[in-house]
Protein backbone atom coordinates (compact mmCIF):
# COMPACT_ATOMS: atom_id res chain seq x y z
CA MET A 1 6.36 -33.41 -17.60
CA LEU A 2 9.58 -33.93 -16.10
CA THR A 3 10.58 -36.67 -13.94
CA GLY A 4 9.81 -35.81 -10.26
CA GLU A 5 7.34 -33.12 -11.32
CA SER A 6 3.86 -33.31 -9.75
CA ASP A 7 0.52 -32.31 -11.44
CA VAL A 8 0.16 -30.01 -9.08
CA SER A 9 -1.22 -27.23 -10.99
CA ILE A 10 0.69 -23.97 -10.01
CA PRO A 11 -0.62 -20.14 -10.36
CA THR A 12 1.24 -17.60 -12.42
CA ILE A 13 1.71 -14.10 -11.33
CA HIS A 14 0.44 -11.80 -14.00
CA VAL A 15 1.52 -7.82 -13.61
CA CYS A 16 -0.72 -5.52 -14.85
CA ILE A 17 0.13 -1.93 -16.02
CA VAL A 18 -2.48 0.31 -15.06
CA GLY A 19 -3.37 4.02 -15.99
CA TYR A 20 -5.95 6.30 -16.20
CA GLY A 21 -8.19 6.69 -19.51
CA GLY A 22 -9.07 10.05 -20.92
CA ASP A 23 -12.21 9.60 -18.59
CA ASP A 24 -10.32 9.17 -15.33
CA LYS A 25 -10.73 5.77 -15.05
CA MET A 26 -8.29 3.41 -14.11
CA GLN A 27 -7.36 0.85 -17.32
CA THR A 28 -5.08 -1.95 -17.88
CA LYS A 29 -2.78 -1.09 -20.24
CA ASN A 30 -0.52 -4.22 -20.11
CA THR A 31 -0.24 -7.58 -18.80
CA VAL A 32 2.95 -9.75 -18.39
CA SER A 33 3.36 -12.71 -16.79
CA VAL A 34 6.69 -12.54 -14.60
CA GLY A 35 6.82 -15.83 -12.61
CA ARG A 36 5.31 -18.63 -11.00
CA PHE A 37 5.07 -19.21 -7.31
CA PRO A 38 4.31 -22.89 -6.13
CA GLU A 39 1.33 -24.05 -3.86
CA SER A 40 2.29 -24.65 -0.57
CA ASN A 41 1.28 -26.35 2.38
CA LYS A 42 4.23 -25.48 4.39
CA PRO A 43 3.77 -23.78 7.54
CA TYR A 44 6.17 -20.60 6.36
CA SER A 45 4.28 -20.22 2.66
CA PHE A 46 4.03 -16.78 1.08
CA GLU A 47 0.16 -17.46 1.75
CA THR A 48 0.52 -18.19 5.48
CA SER A 49 3.59 -15.49 6.30
CA THR A 50 2.64 -13.56 9.32
CA TYR A 51 4.59 -10.41 8.17
CA LEU A 52 3.35 -10.22 4.17
CA ASN A 53 -0.41 -10.12 5.87
CA LEU A 54 0.36 -7.40 8.47
CA PRO A 55 -1.61 -3.89 7.66
CA ASP A 56 0.90 -1.20 6.02
CA LEU A 57 2.24 0.52 8.88
CA GLN A 58 2.96 -2.53 10.93
CA PHE A 59 4.83 -4.14 7.54
CA PHE A 60 6.76 -0.97 7.57
CA HIS A 61 7.79 -1.18 11.28
CA TRP A 62 8.97 -4.73 10.52
CA CYS A 63 10.82 -3.60 7.57
CA ASN A 64 12.45 -0.77 9.47
CA HIS A 65 13.51 -3.14 12.15
CA HIS A 66 15.18 -5.60 9.86
CA PHE A 67 16.35 -3.44 6.99
CA ARG A 68 16.85 -0.07 8.78
CA ILE A 69 15.02 1.61 5.91
CA ASN A 70 12.72 4.65 6.29
CA ARG A 71 9.34 5.70 5.58
CA GLY A 72 9.86 8.01 2.35
CA VAL A 73 12.17 4.75 0.77
CA TYR A 74 9.96 2.36 2.02
CA ASN A 75 7.14 4.27 -0.10
CA ALA A 76 8.95 5.19 -2.77
CA ILE A 77 10.16 1.37 -3.68
CA ASP A 78 6.66 0.31 -3.05
CA GLN A 79 5.12 3.20 -5.25
CA TRP A 80 7.73 2.20 -8.12
CA PHE A 81 6.83 -1.86 -8.00
CA TYR A 82 3.04 -0.53 -8.12
CA ASP A 83 3.73 1.62 -10.81
CA TYR A 84 5.64 -0.93 -12.77
CA GLY A 85 2.47 -3.20 -12.34
CA ILE A 86 2.66 -5.15 -9.31
CA ILE A 87 -0.69 -4.45 -8.01
CA ASN A 88 -1.25 -7.42 -5.59
CA ILE A 89 0.27 -6.31 -1.97
CA GLN A 90 1.35 -9.57 -1.22
CA TYR A 91 3.78 -9.68 -4.66
CA ARG A 92 4.80 -6.15 -4.26
CA ARG A 93 5.99 -6.95 -0.60
CA ILE A 94 7.76 -9.87 -1.56
CA GLN A 95 9.65 -8.10 -4.53
CA THR A 96 10.25 -5.30 -1.91
CA LEU A 97 11.62 -7.61 0.40
CA ALA A 98 13.72 -9.49 -2.03
CA PHE A 99 14.93 -5.92 -2.97
CA PHE A 100 16.00 -4.85 0.50
CA GLU A 101 17.78 -8.18 0.92
CA PHE A 102 19.85 -7.54 -2.58
CA VAL A 103 20.54 -4.34 -1.25
CA LYS A 104 21.50 -5.35 1.95
CA GLU A 105 24.04 -7.91 0.82
CA GLU A 106 25.32 -5.82 -1.87
CA GLY A 107 26.10 -3.09 1.12
CA GLY A 108 27.99 -6.03 2.93
CA ASN A 109 29.93 -6.97 0.14
CA GLN A 110 31.48 -3.46 -0.87
CA SER A 111 32.21 -2.99 2.81
CA ARG A 112 34.55 -6.07 2.60
CA ASP A 113 36.49 -4.93 -0.39
């Protein structure tokens, strides 16, 4: 353990690639660890985030308001992360928001050049 680290366990996020077998039942094809998110008692942690826990349509409206993204693009990105193996909706939304922020920053950097 490094100096300053606590002995609090940190959950690891696992990505499962899920597909359909020959009998049309969903089967896990692959499990990959993609990172670790520390647990937090902060009022603005991922677990207590208001917008991450919104129903799907309200979450889309929140994204549309902040990132000017349309429903088709939102659905395509969400589907891509799901197909890639991020099954948990909160983790998928975190990745989606990170992607939107990245695109927003890149678009701002290109317009300044």
